[in-house]
Amino acid sequence: MKKLIALICIFCIGLAGYTEPCEEVTQYYEHMFAEKGATSNQVIITNFRNIICKGNVFKISFHCKFKSECAKAGDTVNFDVRDAIYTQEGTLLIPSGSKVVGTIIRIDKQRVPNKNARVYFNFSCLILPNGTTVDMSGKPCTCDGSLKEGAWMTAGKLAASTVGLGCVGAGAGVGFAFIPNPAKIGTGLAIGIPIGCTVGLITGLVTPGLKYHAKAGEIVELILCEPLSLPKPCK
């Protein structure tokens, strides 16, 4: 009987010391700094983690130089988070020195007429400086979710083609002008330059577009396709 009473007492003492595990509770909402193309800037702060909501945008940069003609679908490419990412309210979300791993899911090669190459990435992993790996889902924040050479590079290609063949046309025009009469050089130029430039522009438009090249450190804007759950920094 004494043993039974002792066991009951021990059981009761155990119940008195038992507490329910702590549940996750949303503490407050904060906000990312606005970036062009973002569809959200909300961040959820809980007692366990910081959650960057779907549609937020932040900047990453190529770790090494990249050339689309040297890559293929399935390759992984490393990106850097050069500057720490904070909320407007001052909460540290992603420390400086973190890495983002991107997987190439598709490459559209440059095509005729003047169609630039496009590279499609899935940003699937964030690696924090302490080695913690966080799953994520993101893509480039562009109209079609791809990376390609910009309008200025395309315009530069067309300008180079136009000017180059314009010079050839000018030379040909001068040459033809010299045959009958050297005094007609001006006429030759007037004929040769427009023809050369026109041919150059047309040639630039009907040739294949540009390959996609990026320098080490070149900035890419990443948009989250799903919420990014981050562990709270150790204090």
C-alpha atoms as a PDB file:
ATOM      1  CA  MET A   1       0.000   0.000   0.000  1.00  0.00           C
ATOM      2  CA  LYS A   2       2.816   2.389   0.873  1.00  0.00           C
ATOM      3  CA  LYS A   3       4.498   1.622  -2.472  1.00  0.00           C
ATOM      4  CA  LEU A   4       1.284   2.399  -4.371  1.00  0.00           C
ATOM      5  CA  ILE A   5       0.899   5.721  -2.546  1.00  0.00           C
ATOM      6  CA  ALA A   6       4.534   6.576  -3.373  1.00  0.00           C
ATOM      7  CA  LEU A   7       3.999   5.799  -7.067  1.00  0.00           C
ATOM      8  CA  ILE A   8       0.865   7.975  -7.151  1.00  0.00           C
ATOM      9  CA  CYS A   9       2.789  10.832  -5.562  1.00  0.00           C
ATOM     10  CA  ILE A  10       5.613  10.532  -8.103  1.00  0.00           C
ATOM     11  CA  PHE A  11       3.073  10.515 -10.954  1.00  0.00           C
ATOM     12  CA  CYS A  12       1.369  13.633  -9.606  1.00  0.00           C
ATOM     13  CA  ILE A  13       4.669  15.448  -9.204  1.00  0.00           C
ATOM     14  CA  GLY A  14       5.524  14.568 -12.836  1.00  0.00           C
ATOM     15  CA  LEU A  15       2.230  15.992 -14.059  1.00  0.00           C
ATOM     16  CA  ALA A  16       2.804  19.193 -12.125  1.00  0.00           C
ATOM     17  CA  GLY A  17       6.153  19.758 -13.882  1.00  0.00           C
ATOM     18  CA  TYR A  18       4.837  19.010 -17.393  1.00  0.00           C
ATOM     19  CA  THR A  19       4.293  21.924 -19.796  1.00  0.00           C
ATOM     20  CA  GLU A  20       2.874  21.927 -23.323  1.00  0.00           C
ATOM     21  CA  PRO A  21       5.446  22.532 -26.065  1.00  0.00           C
ATOM     22  CA  CYS A  22       5.654  26.173 -27.156  1.00  0.00           C
ATOM     23  CA  GLU A  23       3.524  26.889 -30.249  1.00  0.00           C
ATOM     24  CA  GLU A  24       4.554  29.158 -33.109  1.00  0.00           C
ATOM     25  CA  VAL A  25       2.938  32.556 -32.786  1.00  0.00           C
ATOM     26  CA  THR A  26       2.980  35.472 -35.238  1.00  0.00           C
ATOM     27  CA  GLN A  27       4.474  38.377 -33.322  1.00  0.00           C
ATOM     28  CA  TYR A  28       4.202  41.173 -35.895  1.00  0.00           C
ATOM     29  CA  TYR A  29       4.534  42.099 -39.577  1.00  0.00           C
ATOM     30  CA  GLU A  30       7.432  43.998 -41.128  1.00  0.00           C
ATOM     31  CA  HIS A  31       8.284  45.147 -44.647  1.00  0.00           C
ATOM     32  CA  MET A  32      11.045  44.709 -47.209  1.00  0.00           C
ATOM     33  CA  PHE A  33      12.344  47.758 -49.064  1.00  0.00           C
ATOM     34  CA  ALA A  34      10.369  48.227 -52.284  1.00  0.00           C
ATOM     35  CA  GLU A  35      11.976  46.807 -55.432  1.00  0.00           C
ATOM     36  CA  LYS A  36      10.720  47.213 -58.998  1.00  0.00           C
ATOM     37  CA  GLY A  37       8.631  44.222 -60.039  1.00  0.00           C
ATOM     38  CA  ALA A  38       7.807  43.073 -56.494  1.00  0.00           C
ATOM     39  CA  THR A  39       4.200  42.050 -55.852  1.00  0.00           C
ATOM     40  CA  SER A  40       4.627  42.049 -52.046  1.00  0.00           C
ATOM     41  CA  ASN A  41       6.915  43.598 -49.449  1.00  0.00           C
ATOM     42  CA  GLN A  42       5.519  41.842 -46.371  1.00  0.00           C
ATOM     43  CA  VAL A  43       7.600  39.866 -43.872  1.00  0.00           C
ATOM     44  CA  ILE A  44       6.037  37.767 -41.098  1.00  0.00           C
ATOM     45  CA  ILE A  45       7.954  37.666 -37.812  1.00  0.00           C
ATOM     46  CA  THR A  46       7.143  34.736 -35.506  1.00  0.00           C
ATOM     47  CA  ASN A  47       8.718  33.495 -32.294  1.00  0.00           C
ATOM     48  CA  PHE A  48      10.547  30.799 -34.295  1.00  0.00           C
ATOM     49  CA  ARG A  49      11.383  32.293 -37.694  1.00  0.00           C
ATOM     50  CA  ASN A  50      11.261  35.190 -40.143  1.00  0.00           C
ATOM     51  CA  ILE A  51       9.163  34.549 -43.261  1.00  0.00           C
ATOM     52  CA  ILE A  52       9.713  36.615 -46.427  1.00  0.00           C
ATOM     53  CA  CYS A  53       6.402  36.399 -48.259  1.00  0.00           C
ATOM     54  CA  LYS A  54       5.932  35.250 -51.860  1.00  0.00           C
ATOM     55  CA  GLY A  55       6.359  38.078 -54.385  1.00  0.00           C
ATOM     56  CA  ASN A  56       9.198  39.862 -52.563  1.00  0.00           C
ATOM     57  CA  VAL A  57      12.265  40.814 -54.607  1.00  0.00           C
ATOM     58  CA  PHE A  58      15.916  41.080 -53.551  1.00  0.00           C
ATOM     59  CA  LYS A  59      19.253  41.364 -55.349  1.00  0.00           C
ATOM     60  CA  ILE A  60      21.862  38.662 -55.861  1.00  0.00           C
ATOM     61  CA  SER A  61      24.969  38.628 -58.081  1.00  0.00           C
ATOM     62  CA  PHE A  62      26.818  36.097 -60.210  1.00  0.00           C
ATOM     63  CA  HIS A  63      29.691  34.498 -58.282  1.00  0.00           C
ATOM     64  CA  CYS A  64      31.623  33.777 -61.509  1.00  0.00           C
ATOM     65  CA  LYS A  65      31.312  34.927 -65.104  1.00  0.00           C
ATOM     66  CA  PHE A  66      28.619  33.152 -67.103  1.00  0.00           C
ATOM     67  CA  LYS A  67      28.266  32.338 -70.819  1.00  0.00           C
ATOM     68  CA  SER A  68      25.067  30.796 -72.157  1.00  0.00           C
ATOM     69  CA  GLU A  69      26.902  28.894 -74.907  1.00  0.00           C
ATOM     70  CA  CYS A  70      28.966  27.068 -72.260  1.00  0.00           C
ATOM     71  CA  ALA A  71      25.985  26.031 -70.110  1.00  0.00           C
ATOM     72  CA  LYS A  72      23.127  23.546 -70.352  1.00  0.00           C
ATOM     73  CA  ALA A  73      19.894  22.660 -68.567  1.00  0.00           C
ATOM     74  CA  GLY A  74      20.620  21.001 -65.224  1.00  0.00           C
ATOM     75  CA  ASP A  75      23.793  22.986 -64.486  1.00  0.00           C
ATOM     76  CA  THR A  76      23.960  24.766 -61.136  1.00  0.00           C
ATOM     77  CA  VAL A  77      25.231  28.341 -60.861  1.00  0.00           C
ATOM     78  CA  ASN A  78      26.241  30.099 -57.644  1.00  0.00           C
ATOM     79  CA  PHE A  79      25.133  33.610 -56.745  1.00  0.00           C
ATOM     80  CA  ASP A  80      26.173  35.888 -53.864  1.00  0.00           C
ATOM     81  CA  VAL A  81      24.181  38.029 -51.458  1.00  0.00           C
ATOM     82  CA  ARG A  82      26.746  40.820 -51.215  1.00  0.00           C
ATOM     83  CA  ASP A  83      24.833  43.164 -48.907  1.00  0.00           C
ATOM     84  CA  ALA A  84      22.883  42.075 -45.838  1.00  0.00           C
ATOM     85  CA  ILE A  85      19.122  42.225 -46.321  1.00  0.00           C
ATOM     86  CA  TYR A  86      17.100  43.971 -43.600  1.00  0.00           C
ATOM     87  CA  THR A  87      13.475  44.912 -43.236  1.00  0.00           C
ATOM     88  CA  GLN A  88      12.524  48.582 -43.178  1.00  0.00           C
ATOM     89  CA  GLU A  89      12.030  48.134 -39.442  1.00  0.00           C
ATOM     90  CA  GLY A  90      15.626  46.936 -38.989  1.00  0.00           C
ATOM     91  CA  THR A  91      15.305  43.146 -38.628  1.00  0.00           C
ATOM     92  CA  LEU A  92      18.172  41.185 -40.218  1.00  0.00           C
ATOM     93  CA  LEU A  93      16.752  38.627 -42.654  1.00  0.00           C
ATOM     94  CA  ILE A  94      19.679  37.414 -44.801  1.00  0.00           C
ATOM     95  CA  PRO A  95      23.285  38.085 -43.698  1.00  0.00           C
ATOM     96  CA  SER A  96      25.938  39.385 -46.066  1.00  0.00           C
ATOM     97  CA  GLY A  97      28.020  36.564 -47.504  1.00  0.00           C
ATOM     98  CA  SER A  98      25.081  34.211 -48.006  1.00  0.00           C
ATOM     99  CA  LYS A  99      24.891  32.198 -51.218  1.00  0.00           C
ATOM    100  CA  VAL A 100      22.018  31.346 -53.549  1.00  0.00           C
ATOM    101  CA  VAL A 101      22.185  28.252 -55.743  1.00  0.00           C
ATOM    102  CA  GLY A 102      20.396  28.452 -59.086  1.00  0.00           C
ATOM    103  CA  THR A 103      19.637  25.558 -61.424  1.00  0.00           C
ATOM    104  CA  ILE A 104      19.337  26.171 -65.162  1.00  0.00           C
ATOM    105  CA  ILE A 105      15.992  24.708 -66.215  1.00  0.00           C
ATOM    106  CA  ARG A 106      16.087  25.819 -69.852  1.00  0.00           C
ATOM    107  CA  ILE A 107      18.223  27.677 -72.385  1.00  0.00           C
ATOM    108  CA  ASP A 108      16.790  29.148 -75.574  1.00  0.00           C
ATOM    109  CA  LYS A 109      19.683  29.712 -77.967  1.00  0.00           C
ATOM    110  CA  GLN A 110      19.910  32.862 -80.060  1.00  0.00           C
ATOM    111  CA  ARG A 111      17.939  32.613 -83.289  1.00  0.00           C
ATOM    112  CA  VAL A 112      17.226  34.398 -86.554  1.00  0.00           C
ATOM    113  CA  PRO A 113      15.963  37.048 -86.904  1.00  0.00           C
ATOM    114  CA  ASN A 114      17.936  38.839 -84.181  1.00  0.00           C
ATOM    115  CA  LYS A 115      16.452  36.765 -81.307  1.00  0.00           C
ATOM    116  CA  ASN A 116      18.674  36.884 -78.217  1.00  0.00           C
ATOM    117  CA  ALA A 117      19.449  33.802 -76.119  1.00  0.00           C
ATOM    118  CA  ARG A 118      17.381  33.357 -72.955  1.00  0.00           C
ATOM    119  CA  VAL A 119      18.411  31.496 -69.797  1.00  0.00           C
ATOM    120  CA  TYR A 120      15.777  30.316 -67.292  1.00  0.00           C
ATOM    121  CA  PHE A 121      16.811  29.721 -63.666  1.00  0.00           C
ATOM    122  CA  ASN A 122      15.158  28.155 -60.644  1.00  0.00           C
ATOM    123  CA  PHE A 123      16.722  29.536 -57.448  1.00  0.00           C
ATOM    124  CA  SER A 124      16.233  26.582 -55.111  1.00  0.00           C
ATOM    125  CA  CYS A 125      18.650  26.927 -52.205  1.00  0.00           C
ATOM    126  CA  LEU A 126      19.940  29.626 -49.853  1.00  0.00           C
ATOM    127  CA  ILE A 127      23.145  28.911 -47.915  1.00  0.00           C
ATOM    128  CA  LEU A 128      23.765  31.147 -44.896  1.00  0.00           C
ATOM    129  CA  PRO A 129      27.321  32.061 -43.782  1.00  0.00           C
ATOM    130  CA  ASN A 130      27.124  29.567 -40.867  1.00  0.00           C
ATOM    131  CA  GLY A 131      26.459  26.726 -43.328  1.00  0.00           C
ATOM    132  CA  THR A 132      22.706  26.473 -42.706  1.00  0.00           C
ATOM    133  CA  THR A 133      20.873  25.456 -45.888  1.00  0.00           C
ATOM    134  CA  VAL A 134      17.385  26.801 -46.524  1.00  0.00           C
ATOM    135  CA  ASP A 135      15.084  25.560 -49.292  1.00  0.00           C
ATOM    136  CA  MET A 136      13.610  28.281 -51.444  1.00  0.00           C
ATOM    137  CA  SER A 137      11.800  28.832 -54.740  1.00  0.00           C
ATOM    138  CA  GLY A 138      12.573  31.858 -56.877  1.00  0.00           C
ATOM    139  CA  LYS A 139      13.219  33.022 -60.437  1.00  0.00           C
ATOM    140  CA  PRO A 140      14.661  36.095 -62.182  1.00  0.00           C
ATOM    141  CA  CYS A 141      12.356  39.089 -61.831  1.00  0.00           C
ATOM    142  CA  THR A 142      11.908  39.769 -65.542  1.00  0.00           C
ATOM    143  CA  CYS A 143       8.901  39.841 -67.853  1.00  0.00           C
ATOM    144  CA  ASP A 144       9.260  36.186 -68.856  1.00  0.00           C
ATOM    145  CA  GLY A 145      11.396  34.939 -65.958  1.00  0.00           C
ATOM    146  CA  SER A 146      14.539  34.636 -68.104  1.00  0.00           C
ATOM    147  CA  LEU A 147      17.917  36.350 -68.258  1.00  0.00           C
ATOM    148  CA  LYS A 148      18.988  37.795 -71.622  1.00  0.00           C
ATOM    149  CA  GLU A 149      21.013  40.644 -73.032  1.00  0.00           C
ATOM    150  CA  GLY A 150      19.299  44.005 -72.702  1.00  0.00           C
ATOM    151  CA  ALA A 151      18.030  46.398 -75.328  1.00  0.00           C
ATOM    152  CA  TRP A 152      21.221  48.482 -75.236  1.00  0.00           C
ATOM    153  CA  MET A 153      23.387  45.486 -76.183  1.00  0.00           C
ATOM    154  CA  THR A 154      21.016  44.623 -79.035  1.00  0.00           C
ATOM    155  CA  ALA A 155      21.021  48.245 -80.235  1.00  0.00           C
ATOM    156  CA  GLY A 156      24.820  48.229 -80.081  1.00  0.00           C
ATOM    157  CA  LYS A 157      24.953  45.152 -82.283  1.00  0.00           C
ATOM    158  CA  LEU A 158      22.662  46.753 -84.868  1.00  0.00           C
ATOM    159  CA  ALA A 159      24.635  50.014 -84.744  1.00  0.00           C
ATOM    160  CA  ALA A 160      27.924  48.186 -85.279  1.00  0.00           C
ATOM    161  CA  SER A 161      26.509  46.290 -88.246  1.00  0.00           C
ATOM    162  CA  THR A 162      24.992  49.462 -89.730  1.00  0.00           C
ATOM    163  CA  VAL A 163      28.125  51.579 -89.307  1.00  0.00           C
ATOM    164  CA  GLY A 164      30.435  48.795 -90.487  1.00  0.00           C
ATOM    165  CA  LEU A 165      28.617  48.145 -93.737  1.00  0.00           C
ATOM    166  CA  GLY A 166      28.002  51.880 -94.110  1.00  0.00           C
ATOM    167  CA  CYS A 167      31.776  52.371 -94.228  1.00  0.00           C
ATOM    168  CA  VAL A 168      32.072  49.558 -96.763  1.00  0.00           C
ATOM    169  CA  GLY A 169      29.354  51.204 -98.854  1.00  0.00           C
ATOM    170  CA  ALA A 170      31.100  54.555 -98.637  1.00  0.00           C
ATOM    171  CA  GLY A 171      34.346  53.019 -99.812  1.00  0.00           C
ATOM    172  CA  ALA A 172      32.613  51.267-102.686  1.00  0.00           C
ATOM    173  CA  GLY A 173      30.838  54.494-103.663  1.00  0.00           C
ATOM    174  CA  VAL A 174      34.123  56.430-103.713  1.00  0.00           C
ATOM    175  CA  GLY A 175      35.743  53.702-105.764  1.00  0.00           C
ATOM    176  CA  PHE A 176      33.015  53.785-108.359  1.00  0.00           C
ATOM    177  CA  ALA A 177      33.145  57.574-108.437  1.00  0.00           C
ATOM    178  CA  PHE A 178      36.884  57.530-109.206  1.00  0.00           C
ATOM    179  CA  ILE A 179      36.478  55.355-112.288  1.00  0.00           C
ATOM    180  CA  PRO A 180      34.897  57.931-114.580  1.00  0.00           C
ATOM    181  CA  ASN A 181      35.709  61.159-112.791  1.00  0.00           C
ATOM    182  CA  PRO A 182      37.514  61.881-109.473  1.00  0.00           C
ATOM    183  CA  ALA A 183      35.339  64.971-109.032  1.00  0.00           C
ATOM    184  CA  LYS A 184      32.368  62.755-108.378  1.00  0.00           C
ATOM    185  CA  ILE A 185      33.629  61.462-104.992  1.00  0.00           C
ATOM    186  CA  GLY A 186      30.832  63.316-103.208  1.00  0.00           C
ATOM    187  CA  THR A 187      28.270  61.653-105.396  1.00  0.00           C
ATOM    188  CA  GLY A 188      29.824  58.277-104.716  1.00  0.00           C
ATOM    189  CA  LEU A 189      29.663  58.879-100.977  1.00  0.00           C
ATOM    190  CA  ALA A 190      26.068  60.058-101.205  1.00  0.00           C
ATOM    191  CA  ILE A 191      25.131  56.843-102.974  1.00  0.00           C
ATOM    192  CA  GLY A 192      27.393  54.396-101.126  1.00  0.00           C
ATOM    193  CA  ILE A 193      26.759  55.399 -97.495  1.00  0.00           C
ATOM    194  CA  PRO A 194      22.941  55.078 -97.505  1.00  0.00           C
ATOM    195  CA  ILE A 195      23.103  51.787 -99.394  1.00  0.00           C
ATOM    196  CA  GLY A 196      25.779  50.406 -97.045  1.00  0.00           C
ATOM    197  CA  CYS A 197      23.922  51.527 -93.923  1.00  0.00           C
ATOM    198  CA  THR A 198      20.646  50.077 -95.165  1.00  0.00           C
ATOM    199  CA  VAL A 199      22.280  46.757 -95.967  1.00  0.00           C
ATOM    200  CA  GLY A 200      24.022  46.833 -92.578  1.00  0.00           C
ATOM    201  CA  LEU A 201      20.787  47.443 -90.691  1.00  0.00           C
ATOM    202  CA  ILE A 202      18.991  44.688 -92.578  1.00  0.00           C
ATOM    203  CA  THR A 203      21.916  42.322 -92.017  1.00  0.00           C
ATOM    204  CA  GLY A 204      21.876  43.105 -88.285  1.00  0.00           C
ATOM    205  CA  LEU A 205      18.162  42.398 -88.094  1.00  0.00           C
ATOM    206  CA  VAL A 206      18.231  39.078 -89.959  1.00  0.00           C
ATOM    207  CA  THR A 207      21.320  37.579 -88.288  1.00  0.00           C
ATOM    208  CA  PRO A 208      21.110  35.535 -85.040  1.00  0.00           C
ATOM    209  CA  GLY A 209      20.686  37.489 -81.795  1.00  0.00           C
ATOM    210  CA  LEU A 210      23.171  37.771 -78.935  1.00  0.00           C
ATOM    211  CA  LYS A 211      24.329  35.044 -76.573  1.00  0.00           C
ATOM    212  CA  TYR A 212      23.808  35.778 -72.857  1.00  0.00           C
ATOM    213  CA  HIS A 213      26.986  36.743 -71.016  1.00  0.00           C
ATOM    214  CA  ALA A 214      27.295  37.985 -67.418  1.00  0.00           C
ATOM    215  CA  LYS A 215      30.345  39.205 -65.526  1.00  0.00           C
ATOM    216  CA  ALA A 216      31.238  38.056 -62.016  1.00  0.00           C
ATOM    217  CA  GLY A 217      29.375  40.401 -59.677  1.00  0.00           C
ATOM    218  CA  GLU A 218      26.652  41.278 -62.200  1.00  0.00           C
ATOM    219  CA  ILE A 219      23.375  41.935 -60.390  1.00  0.00           C
ATOM    220  CA  VAL A 220      20.246  39.821 -60.847  1.00  0.00           C
ATOM    221  CA  GLU A 221      16.899  40.574 -59.207  1.00  0.00           C
ATOM    222  CA  LEU A 222      15.259  37.474 -57.703  1.00  0.00           C
ATOM    223  CA  ILE A 223      11.508  37.228 -57.073  1.00  0.00           C
ATOM    224  CA  LEU A 224      10.203  34.623 -54.617  1.00  0.00           C
ATOM    225  CA  CYS A 225       7.723  32.106 -56.035  1.00  0.00           C
ATOM    226  CA  GLU A 226       6.991  30.756 -52.541  1.00  0.00           C
ATOM    227  CA  PRO A 227       7.477  32.186 -49.005  1.00  0.00           C
ATOM    228  CA  LEU A 228      11.068  31.950 -47.764  1.00  0.00           C
ATOM    229  CA  SER A 229      11.286  30.680 -44.176  1.00  0.00           C
ATOM    230  CA  LEU A 230      14.453  31.823 -42.379  1.00  0.00           C
ATOM    231  CA  PRO A 231      15.711  30.770 -38.944  1.00  0.00           C
ATOM    232  CA  LYS A 232      16.087  33.569 -36.434  1.00  0.00           C
ATOM    233  CA  PRO A 233      19.757  34.619 -36.001  1.00  0.00           C
ATOM    234  CA  CYS A 234      21.425  33.311 -32.845  1.00  0.00           C
ATOM    235  CA  LYS A 235      21.731  35.961 -30.165  1.00  0.00           C
END
